[in-house]
Amino acid sequence: MVNAIVLMTVKPDLINEIATQLVEIPGVSEVYSVGGRFDLVAILRVPHNEALAEIVTGRFLKIEGITDSETLIAFKAYSKHDLERLFSIGME
């Protein structure tokens, strides 16, 4: 499983429309509108790098209104739930 975060700059008047399109793409688990340098953040969970490449270059960058993107590939996931389970070993 490949997890990735795609940061996108989009035309301001198309943020809602683009976010709605992105979340319908298989492999996209979440889309957030954010403040700062980027406008949208998409979380992708796909089976392999080829699927990631297809979504980002084949689907995302063809959506009118996305003007720039940066893709971050996750090496390891840390979550509050995983850390709680790790540190609670032997504490029960």
PDB file of N, CA and C in Angstrom:
ATOM      1  N   MET A   1       0.848  -1.184   0.000  1.00  0.00           N
ATOM      2  CA  MET A   1       0.000   0.000   0.000  1.00  0.00           C
ATOM      3  C   MET A   1       0.887   1.237   0.000  1.00  0.00           C
ATOM      4  N   VAL A   2       0.564   2.176  -0.863  1.00  0.00           N
ATOM      5  CA  VAL A   2       1.278   3.447  -0.947  1.00  0.00           C
ATOM      6  C   VAL A   2       0.340   4.544  -0.451  1.00  0.00           C
ATOM      7  N   ASN A   3       0.826   5.321   0.502  1.00  0.00           N
ATOM      8  CA  ASN A   3       0.079   6.470   1.003  1.00  0.00           C
ATOM      9  C   ASN A   3       0.793   7.726   0.543  1.00  0.00           C
ATOM     10  N   ALA A   4       0.042   8.684   0.047  1.00  0.00           N
ATOM     11  CA  ALA A   4       0.642   9.925  -0.430  1.00  0.00           C
ATOM     12  C   ALA A   4      -0.239  11.109  -0.074  1.00  0.00           C
ATOM     13  N   ILE A   5       0.410  12.255   0.007  1.00  0.00           N
ATOM     14  CA  ILE A   5      -0.263  13.515   0.263  1.00  0.00           C
ATOM     15  C   ILE A   5       0.019  14.400  -0.938  1.00  0.00           C
ATOM     16  N   VAL A   6      -1.032  14.904  -1.561  1.00  0.00           N
ATOM     17  CA  VAL A   6      -0.862  15.776  -2.722  1.00  0.00           C
ATOM     18  C   VAL A   6      -1.334  17.174  -2.335  1.00  0.00           C
ATOM     19  N   LEU A   7      -0.408  18.118  -2.405  1.00  0.00           N
ATOM     20  CA  LEU A   7      -0.676  19.518  -2.101  1.00  0.00           C
ATOM     21  C   LEU A   7      -0.956  20.234  -3.415  1.00  0.00           C
ATOM     22  N   MET A   8      -2.043  20.977  -3.492  1.00  0.00           N
ATOM     23  CA  MET A   8      -2.424  21.600  -4.762  1.00  0.00           C
ATOM     24  C   MET A   8      -2.752  23.077  -4.617  1.00  0.00           C
ATOM     25  N   THR A   9      -2.346  23.823  -5.620  1.00  0.00           N
ATOM     26  CA  THR A   9      -2.764  25.207  -5.788  1.00  0.00           C
ATOM     27  C   THR A   9      -3.822  25.202  -6.881  1.00  0.00           C
ATOM     28  N   VAL A  10      -4.947  25.829  -6.599  1.00  0.00           N
ATOM     29  CA  VAL A  10      -6.044  25.838  -7.572  1.00  0.00           C
ATOM     30  C   VAL A  10      -6.595  27.255  -7.714  1.00  0.00           C
ATOM     31  N   LYS A  11      -7.343  27.468  -8.784  1.00  0.00           N
ATOM     32  CA  LYS A  11      -8.001  28.760  -8.966  1.00  0.00           C
ATOM     33  C   LYS A  11      -9.025  28.931  -7.848  1.00  0.00           C
ATOM     34  N   PRO A  12      -8.966  30.050  -7.122  1.00  0.00           N
ATOM     35  CA  PRO A  12      -9.811  30.238  -5.933  1.00  0.00           C
ATOM     36  C   PRO A  12     -11.301  30.010  -6.152  1.00  0.00           C
ATOM     37  N   ASP A  13     -11.824  30.409  -7.278  1.00  0.00           N
ATOM     38  CA  ASP A  13     -13.265  30.262  -7.497  1.00  0.00           C
ATOM     39  C   ASP A  13     -13.672  28.830  -7.836  1.00  0.00           C
ATOM     40  N   LEU A  14     -12.690  27.929  -7.965  1.00  0.00           N
ATOM     41  CA  LEU A  14     -12.986  26.530  -8.305  1.00  0.00           C
ATOM     42  C   LEU A  14     -12.670  25.544  -7.175  1.00  0.00           C
ATOM     43  N   ILE A  15     -12.311  26.040  -6.003  1.00  0.00           N
ATOM     44  CA  ILE A  15     -11.897  25.156  -4.899  1.00  0.00           C
ATOM     45  C   ILE A  15     -12.955  24.098  -4.597  1.00  0.00           C
ATOM     46  N   ASN A  16     -14.192  24.498  -4.379  1.00  0.00           N
ATOM     47  CA  ASN A  16     -15.242  23.528  -4.022  1.00  0.00           C
ATOM     48  C   ASN A  16     -15.496  22.534  -5.142  1.00  0.00           C
ATOM     49  N   GLU A  17     -15.560  23.017  -6.363  1.00  0.00           N
ATOM     50  CA  GLU A  17     -15.820  22.148  -7.511  1.00  0.00           C
ATOM     51  C   GLU A  17     -14.697  21.125  -7.694  1.00  0.00           C
ATOM     52  N   ILE A  18     -13.458  21.579  -7.585  1.00  0.00           N
ATOM     53  CA  ILE A  18     -12.316  20.677  -7.759  1.00  0.00           C
ATOM     54  C   ILE A  18     -12.257  19.664  -6.624  1.00  0.00           C
ATOM     55  N   ALA A  19     -12.476  20.107  -5.390  1.00  0.00           N
ATOM     56  CA  ALA A  19     -12.458  19.183  -4.249  1.00  0.00           C
ATOM     57  C   ALA A  19     -13.499  18.086  -4.426  1.00  0.00           C
ATOM     58  N   THR A  20     -14.671  18.448  -4.909  1.00  0.00           N
ATOM     59  CA  THR A  20     -15.731  17.472  -5.152  1.00  0.00           C
ATOM     60  C   THR A  20     -15.325  16.468  -6.226  1.00  0.00           C
ATOM     61  N   GLN A  21     -14.663  16.931  -7.268  1.00  0.00           N
ATOM     62  CA  GLN A  21     -14.184  16.028  -8.323  1.00  0.00           C
ATOM     63  C   GLN A  21     -13.104  15.087  -7.789  1.00  0.00           C
ATOM     64  N   LEU A  22     -12.180  15.626  -7.006  1.00  0.00           N
ATOM     65  CA  LEU A  22     -11.061  14.826  -6.500  1.00  0.00           C
ATOM     66  C   LEU A  22     -11.533  13.690  -5.603  1.00  0.00           C
ATOM     67  N   VAL A  23     -12.459  13.976  -4.713  1.00  0.00           N
ATOM     68  CA  VAL A  23     -12.891  12.980  -3.732  1.00  0.00           C
ATOM     69  C   VAL A  23     -13.628  11.814  -4.387  1.00  0.00           C
ATOM     70  N   GLU A  24     -14.095  11.987  -5.611  1.00  0.00           N
ATOM     71  CA  GLU A  24     -14.778  10.914  -6.338  1.00  0.00           C
ATOM     72  C   GLU A  24     -13.811   9.968  -7.052  1.00  0.00           C
ATOM     73  N   ILE A  25     -12.540  10.305  -7.097  1.00  0.00           N
ATOM     74  CA  ILE A  25     -11.553   9.480  -7.794  1.00  0.00           C
ATOM     75  C   ILE A  25     -11.156   8.303  -6.905  1.00  0.00           C
ATOM     76  N   PRO A  26     -11.251   7.067  -7.398  1.00  0.00           N
ATOM     77  CA  PRO A  26     -10.824   5.909  -6.602  1.00  0.00           C
ATOM     78  C   PRO A  26      -9.358   6.056  -6.190  1.00  0.00           C
ATOM     79  N   GLY A  27      -9.090   5.790  -4.921  1.00  0.00           N
ATOM     80  CA  GLY A  27      -7.746   5.938  -4.382  1.00  0.00           C
ATOM     81  C   GLY A  27      -7.584   7.199  -3.554  1.00  0.00           C
ATOM     82  N   VAL A  28      -8.487   8.149  -3.742  1.00  0.00           N
ATOM     83  CA  VAL A  28      -8.465   9.385  -2.952  1.00  0.00           C
ATOM     84  C   VAL A  28      -9.332   9.148  -1.726  1.00  0.00           C
ATOM     85  N   SER A  29      -8.718   9.163  -0.542  1.00  0.00           N
ATOM     86  CA  SER A  29      -9.503   8.878   0.657  1.00  0.00           C
ATOM     87  C   SER A  29     -10.073  10.135   1.297  1.00  0.00           C
ATOM     88  N   GLU A  30      -9.368  11.266   1.170  1.00  0.00           N
ATOM     89  CA  GLU A  30      -9.832  12.504   1.785  1.00  0.00           C
ATOM     90  C   GLU A  30      -9.317  13.689   0.984  1.00  0.00           C
ATOM     91  N   VAL A  31     -10.062  14.778   1.016  1.00  0.00           N
ATOM     92  CA  VAL A  31      -9.626  16.042   0.419  1.00  0.00           C
ATOM     93  C   VAL A  31      -9.956  17.145   1.420  1.00  0.00           C
ATOM     94  N   TYR A  32      -8.992  18.016   1.663  1.00  0.00           N
ATOM     95  CA  TYR A  32      -9.172  19.127   2.598  1.00  0.00           C
ATOM     96  C   TYR A  32      -8.894  20.448   1.896  1.00  0.00           C
ATOM     97  N   SER A  33      -9.692  21.457   2.176  1.00  0.00           N
ATOM     98  CA  SER A  33      -9.320  22.813   1.781  1.00  0.00           C
ATOM     99  C   SER A  33      -8.514  23.369   2.951  1.00  0.00           C
ATOM    100  N   VAL A  34      -7.428  24.061   2.628  1.00  0.00           N
ATOM    101  CA  VAL A  34      -6.505  24.525   3.667  1.00  0.00           C
ATOM    102  C   VAL A  34      -6.087  25.969   3.396  1.00  0.00           C
ATOM    103  N   GLY A  35      -5.586  26.609   4.435  1.00  0.00           N
ATOM    104  CA  GLY A  35      -5.020  27.938   4.297  1.00  0.00           C
ATOM    105  C   GLY A  35      -3.514  27.815   4.144  1.00  0.00           C
ATOM    106  N   GLY A  36      -2.899  28.829   3.589  1.00  0.00           N
ATOM    107  CA  GLY A  36      -1.453  28.805   3.420  1.00  0.00           C
ATOM    108  C   GLY A  36      -1.064  28.802   1.960  1.00  0.00           C
ATOM    109  N   ARG A  37       0.094  28.236   1.684  1.00  0.00           N
ATOM    110  CA  ARG A  37       0.649  28.251   0.332  1.00  0.00           C
ATOM    111  C   ARG A  37      -0.179  27.425  -0.647  1.00  0.00           C
ATOM    112  N   PHE A  38      -0.847  26.385  -0.156  1.00  0.00           N
ATOM    113  CA  PHE A  38      -1.662  25.511  -0.999  1.00  0.00           C
ATOM    114  C   PHE A  38      -3.136  25.713  -0.679  1.00  0.00           C
ATOM    115  N   ASP A  39      -3.974  25.288  -1.605  1.00  0.00           N
ATOM    116  CA  ASP A  39      -5.419  25.454  -1.438  1.00  0.00           C
ATOM    117  C   ASP A  39      -6.130  24.162  -1.055  1.00  0.00           C
ATOM    118  N   LEU A  40      -5.667  23.046  -1.612  1.00  0.00           N
ATOM    119  CA  LEU A  40      -6.271  21.740  -1.344  1.00  0.00           C
ATOM    120  C   LEU A  40      -5.191  20.725  -1.009  1.00  0.00           C
ATOM    121  N   VAL A  41      -5.550  19.784  -0.146  1.00  0.00           N
ATOM    122  CA  VAL A  41      -4.684  18.658   0.195  1.00  0.00           C
ATOM    123  C   VAL A  41      -5.501  17.392  -0.009  1.00  0.00           C
ATOM    124  N   ALA A  42      -4.954  16.468  -0.785  1.00  0.00           N
ATOM    125  CA  ALA A  42      -5.623  15.181  -1.004  1.00  0.00           C
ATOM    126  C   ALA A  42      -4.777  14.076  -0.387  1.00  0.00           C
ATOM    127  N   ILE A  43      -5.426  13.162   0.312  1.00  0.00           N
ATOM    128  CA  ILE A  43      -4.768  11.990   0.881  1.00  0.00           C
ATOM    129  C   ILE A  43      -5.108  10.815  -0.023  1.00  0.00           C
ATOM    130  N   LEU A  44      -4.065  10.158  -0.527  1.00  0.00           N
ATOM    131  CA  LEU A  44      -4.254   9.018  -1.425  1.00  0.00           C
ATOM    132  C   LEU A  44      -3.774   7.746  -0.752  1.00  0.00           C
ATOM    133  N   ARG A  45      -4.517   6.672  -0.943  1.00  0.00           N
ATOM    134  CA  ARG A  45      -4.135   5.336  -0.474  1.00  0.00           C
ATOM    135  C   ARG A  45      -4.357   4.401  -1.652  1.00  0.00           C
ATOM    136  N   VAL A  46      -3.244   3.958  -2.247  1.00  0.00           N
ATOM    137  CA  VAL A  46      -3.308   3.155  -3.470  1.00  0.00           C
ATOM    138  C   VAL A  46      -2.427   1.918  -3.323  1.00  0.00           C
ATOM    139  N   PRO A  47      -2.656   0.891  -4.143  1.00  0.00           N
ATOM    140  CA  PRO A  47      -1.918  -0.362  -3.983  1.00  0.00           C
ATOM    141  C   PRO A  47      -0.449  -0.301  -4.399  1.00  0.00           C
ATOM    142  N   HIS A  48      -0.091   0.579  -5.340  1.00  0.00           N
ATOM    143  CA  HIS A  48       1.298   0.604  -5.822  1.00  0.00           C
ATOM    144  C   HIS A  48       1.608   1.959  -6.460  1.00  0.00           C
ATOM    145  N   ASN A  49       2.889   2.201  -6.727  1.00  0.00           N
ATOM    146  CA  ASN A  49       3.330   3.485  -7.276  1.00  0.00           C
ATOM    147  C   ASN A  49       2.721   3.795  -8.635  1.00  0.00           C
ATOM    148  N   GLU A  50       2.487   2.771  -9.434  1.00  0.00           N
ATOM    149  CA  GLU A  50       1.896   2.999 -10.750  1.00  0.00           C
ATOM    150  C   GLU A  50       0.499   3.613 -10.623  1.00  0.00           C
ATOM    151  N   ALA A  51      -0.265   3.143  -9.650  1.00  0.00           N
ATOM    152  CA  ALA A  51      -1.603   3.701  -9.416  1.00  0.00           C
ATOM    153  C   ALA A  51      -1.499   5.153  -8.955  1.00  0.00           C
ATOM    154  N   LEU A  52      -0.513   5.436  -8.118  1.00  0.00           N
ATOM    155  CA  LEU A  52      -0.290   6.805  -7.663  1.00  0.00           C
ATOM    156  C   LEU A  52       0.032   7.712  -8.843  1.00  0.00           C
ATOM    157  N   ALA A  53       0.943   7.266  -9.691  1.00  0.00           N
ATOM    158  CA  ALA A  53       1.326   8.059 -10.864  1.00  0.00           C
ATOM    159  C   ALA A  53       0.137   8.302 -11.780  1.00  0.00           C
ATOM    160  N   GLU A  54      -0.686   7.299 -11.968  1.00  0.00           N
ATOM    161  CA  GLU A  54      -1.862   7.442 -12.834  1.00  0.00           C
ATOM    162  C   GLU A  54      -2.838   8.469 -12.273  1.00  0.00           C
ATOM    163  N   ILE A  55      -3.063   8.425 -10.969  1.00  0.00           N
ATOM    164  CA  ILE A  55      -4.002   9.376 -10.367  1.00  0.00           C
ATOM    165  C   ILE A  55      -3.457  10.798 -10.452  1.00  0.00           C
ATOM    166  N   VAL A  56      -2.199  10.986 -10.058  1.00  0.00           N
ATOM    167  CA  VAL A  56      -1.647  12.343 -10.011  1.00  0.00           C
ATOM    168  C   VAL A  56      -1.458  12.920 -11.409  1.00  0.00           C
ATOM    169  N   THR A  57      -0.801  12.186 -12.288  1.00  0.00           N
ATOM    170  CA  THR A  57      -0.522  12.745 -13.615  1.00  0.00           C
ATOM    171  C   THR A  57      -1.657  12.508 -14.606  1.00  0.00           C
ATOM    172  N   GLY A  58      -2.356  11.407 -14.456  1.00  0.00           N
ATOM    173  CA  GLY A  58      -3.415  11.088 -15.406  1.00  0.00           C
ATOM    174  C   GLY A  58      -4.759  11.690 -15.073  1.00  0.00           C
ATOM    175  N   ARG A  59      -5.003  11.962 -13.802  1.00  0.00           N
ATOM    176  CA  ARG A  59      -6.324  12.466 -13.399  1.00  0.00           C
ATOM    177  C   ARG A  59      -6.242  13.879 -12.813  1.00  0.00           C
ATOM    178  N   PHE A  60      -5.435  14.058 -11.756  1.00  0.00           N
ATOM    179  CA  PHE A  60      -5.393  15.353 -11.072  1.00  0.00           C
ATOM    180  C   PHE A  60      -4.971  16.478 -12.008  1.00  0.00           C
ATOM    181  N   LEU A  61      -3.868  16.288 -12.691  1.00  0.00           N
ATOM    182  CA  LEU A  61      -3.306  17.384 -13.477  1.00  0.00           C
ATOM    183  C   LEU A  61      -4.093  17.680 -14.745  1.00  0.00           C
ATOM    184  N   LYS A  62      -5.101  16.866 -15.020  1.00  0.00           N
ATOM    185  CA  LYS A  62      -5.979  17.134 -16.158  1.00  0.00           C
ATOM    186  C   LYS A  62      -7.247  17.882 -15.741  1.00  0.00           C
ATOM    187  N   ILE A  63      -7.412  18.083 -14.444  1.00  0.00           N
ATOM    188  CA  ILE A  63      -8.586  18.814 -13.959  1.00  0.00           C
ATOM    189  C   ILE A  63      -8.333  20.306 -14.137  1.00  0.00           C
ATOM    190  N   GLU A  64      -9.215  20.942 -14.883  1.00  0.00           N
ATOM    191  CA  GLU A  64      -9.078  22.377 -15.123  1.00  0.00           C
ATOM    192  C   GLU A  64      -9.184  23.141 -13.810  1.00  0.00           C
ATOM    193  N   GLY A  65      -8.227  24.011 -13.579  1.00  0.00           N
ATOM    194  CA  GLY A  65      -8.226  24.835 -12.375  1.00  0.00           C
ATOM    195  C   GLY A  65      -7.127  24.465 -11.404  1.00  0.00           C
ATOM    196  N   ILE A  66      -6.554  23.261 -11.531  1.00  0.00           N
ATOM    197  CA  ILE A  66      -5.392  22.910 -10.711  1.00  0.00           C
ATOM    198  C   ILE A  66      -4.186  23.519 -11.414  1.00  0.00           C
ATOM    199  N   THR A  67      -3.525  24.451 -10.742  1.00  0.00           N
ATOM    200  CA  THR A  67      -2.429  25.171 -11.381  1.00  0.00           C
ATOM    201  C   THR A  67      -1.054  24.658 -10.988  1.00  0.00           C
ATOM    202  N   ASP A  68      -0.957  23.947  -9.856  1.00  0.00           N
ATOM    203  CA  ASP A  68       0.333  23.416  -9.406  1.00  0.00           C
ATOM    204  C   ASP A  68       0.065  22.327  -8.377  1.00  0.00           C
ATOM    205  N   SER A  69       1.012  21.401  -8.258  1.00  0.00           N
ATOM    206  CA  SER A  69       0.875  20.362  -7.230  1.00  0.00           C
ATOM    207  C   SER A  69       2.245  19.906  -6.761  1.00  0.00           C
ATOM    208  N   GLU A  70       2.247  19.357  -5.567  1.00  0.00           N
ATOM    209  CA  GLU A  70       3.445  18.752  -4.989  1.00  0.00           C
ATOM    210  C   GLU A  70       2.994  17.470  -4.309  1.00  0.00           C
ATOM    211  N   THR A  71       3.663  16.363  -4.625  1.00  0.00           N
ATOM    212  CA  THR A  71       3.268  15.067  -4.083  1.00  0.00           C
ATOM    213  C   THR A  71       4.295  14.589  -3.072  1.00  0.00           C
ATOM    214  N   LEU A  72       3.821  14.217  -1.895  1.00  0.00           N
ATOM    215  CA  LEU A  72       4.662  13.680  -0.827  1.00  0.00           C
ATOM    216  C   LEU A  72       4.286  12.219  -0.633  1.00  0.00           C
ATOM    217  N   ILE A  73       5.265  11.331  -0.713  1.00  0.00           N
ATOM    218  CA  ILE A  73       5.006   9.906  -0.505  1.00  0.00           C
ATOM    219  C   ILE A  73       5.377   9.564   0.933  1.00  0.00           C
ATOM    220  N   ALA A  74       4.459   8.935   1.636  1.00  0.00           N
ATOM    221  CA  ALA A  74       4.690   8.579   3.038  1.00  0.00           C
ATOM    222  C   ALA A  74       5.536   7.313   3.121  1.00  0.00           C
ATOM    223  N   PHE A  75       6.578   7.367   3.932  1.00  0.00           N
ATOM    224  CA  PHE A  75       7.409   6.189   4.166  1.00  0.00           C
ATOM    225  C   PHE A  75       6.845   5.332   5.294  1.00  0.00           C
ATOM    226  N   LYS A  76       6.401   5.980   6.354  1.00  0.00           N
ATOM    227  CA  LYS A  76       5.878   5.266   7.509  1.00  0.00           C
ATOM    228  C   LYS A  76       4.770   6.104   8.128  1.00  0.00           C
ATOM    229  N   ALA A  77       3.731   5.444   8.569  1.00  0.00           N
ATOM    230  CA  ALA A  77       2.603   6.151   9.184  1.00  0.00           C
ATOM    231  C   ALA A  77       2.711   6.075  10.701  1.00  0.00           C
ATOM    232  N   TYR A  78       2.511   7.201  11.334  1.00  0.00           N
ATOM    233  CA  TYR A  78       2.437   7.274  12.785  1.00  0.00           C
ATOM    234  C   TYR A  78       1.060   7.830  13.108  1.00  0.00           C
ATOM    235  N   SER A  79       0.398   7.208  14.034  1.00  0.00           N
ATOM    236  CA  SER A  79      -0.887   7.761  14.445  1.00  0.00           C
ATOM    237  C   SER A  79      -0.990   7.667  15.954  1.00  0.00           C
ATOM    238  N   LYS A  80      -1.815   8.504  16.510  1.00  0.00           N
ATOM    239  CA  LYS A  80      -2.024   8.501  17.948  1.00  0.00           C
ATOM    240  C   LYS A  80      -2.464   7.118  18.409  1.00  0.00           C
ATOM    241  N   HIS A  81      -3.309   6.472  17.635  1.00  0.00           N
ATOM    242  CA  HIS A  81      -3.825   5.160  18.013  1.00  0.00           C
ATOM    243  C   HIS A  81      -2.716   4.114  18.024  1.00  0.00           C
ATOM    244  N   ASP A  82      -1.837   4.143  17.023  1.00  0.00           N
ATOM    245  CA  ASP A  82      -0.726   3.189  16.984  1.00  0.00           C
ATOM    246  C   ASP A  82       0.220   3.414  18.152  1.00  0.00           C
ATOM    247  N   LEU A  83       0.535   4.668  18.474  1.00  0.00           N
ATOM    248  CA  LEU A  83       1.448   4.965  19.568  1.00  0.00           C
ATOM    249  C   LEU A  83       0.844   4.578  20.910  1.00  0.00           C
ATOM    250  N   GLU A  84      -0.452   4.802  21.094  1.00  0.00           N
ATOM    251  CA  GLU A  84      -1.104   4.401  22.341  1.00  0.00           C
ATOM    252  C   GLU A  84      -1.016   2.889  22.529  1.00  0.00           C
ATOM    253  N   ARG A  85      -1.227   2.134  21.456  1.00  0.00           N
ATOM    254  CA  ARG A  85      -1.162   0.680  21.538  1.00  0.00           C
ATOM    255  C   ARG A  85       0.264   0.237  21.869  1.00  0.00           C
ATOM    256  N   LEU A  86       1.256   0.868  21.264  1.00  0.00           N
ATOM    257  CA  LEU A  86       2.651   0.517  21.501  1.00  0.00           C
ATOM    258  C   LEU A  86       3.038   0.753  22.953  1.00  0.00           C
ATOM    259  N   PHE A  87       2.683   1.918  23.501  1.00  0.00           N
ATOM    260  CA  PHE A  87       3.107   2.268  24.845  1.00  0.00           C
ATOM    261  C   PHE A  87       2.230   1.666  25.933  1.00  0.00           C
ATOM    262  N   SER A  88       1.117   1.058  25.573  1.00  0.00           N
ATOM    263  CA  SER A  88       0.257   0.461  26.589  1.00  0.00           C
ATOM    264  C   SER A  88       0.555  -1.020  26.803  1.00  0.00           C
ATOM    265  N   ILE A  89       1.555  -1.548  26.103  1.00  0.00           N
ATOM    266  CA  ILE A  89       1.906  -2.965  26.263  1.00  0.00           C
ATOM    267  C   ILE A  89       2.334  -3.210  27.705  1.00  0.00           C
ATOM    268  N   GLY A  90       1.720  -4.170  28.344  1.00  0.00           N
ATOM    269  CA  GLY A  90       2.053  -4.526  29.713  1.00  0.00           C
ATOM    270  C   GLY A  90       1.454  -3.599  30.754  1.00  0.00           C
ATOM    271  N   MET A  91       0.667  -2.643  30.348  1.00  0.00           N
ATOM    272  CA  MET A  91       0.091  -1.686  31.288  1.00  0.00           C
ATOM    273  C   MET A  91      -1.314  -2.081  31.717  1.00  0.00           C
ATOM    274  N   GLU A  92      -1.838  -3.161  31.171  1.00  0.00           N
ATOM    275  CA  GLU A  92      -3.222  -3.538  31.470  1.00  0.00           C
ATOM    276  C   GLU A  92      -3.313  -4.437  32.659  1.00  0.00           C
TER     277      GLU A  92
END
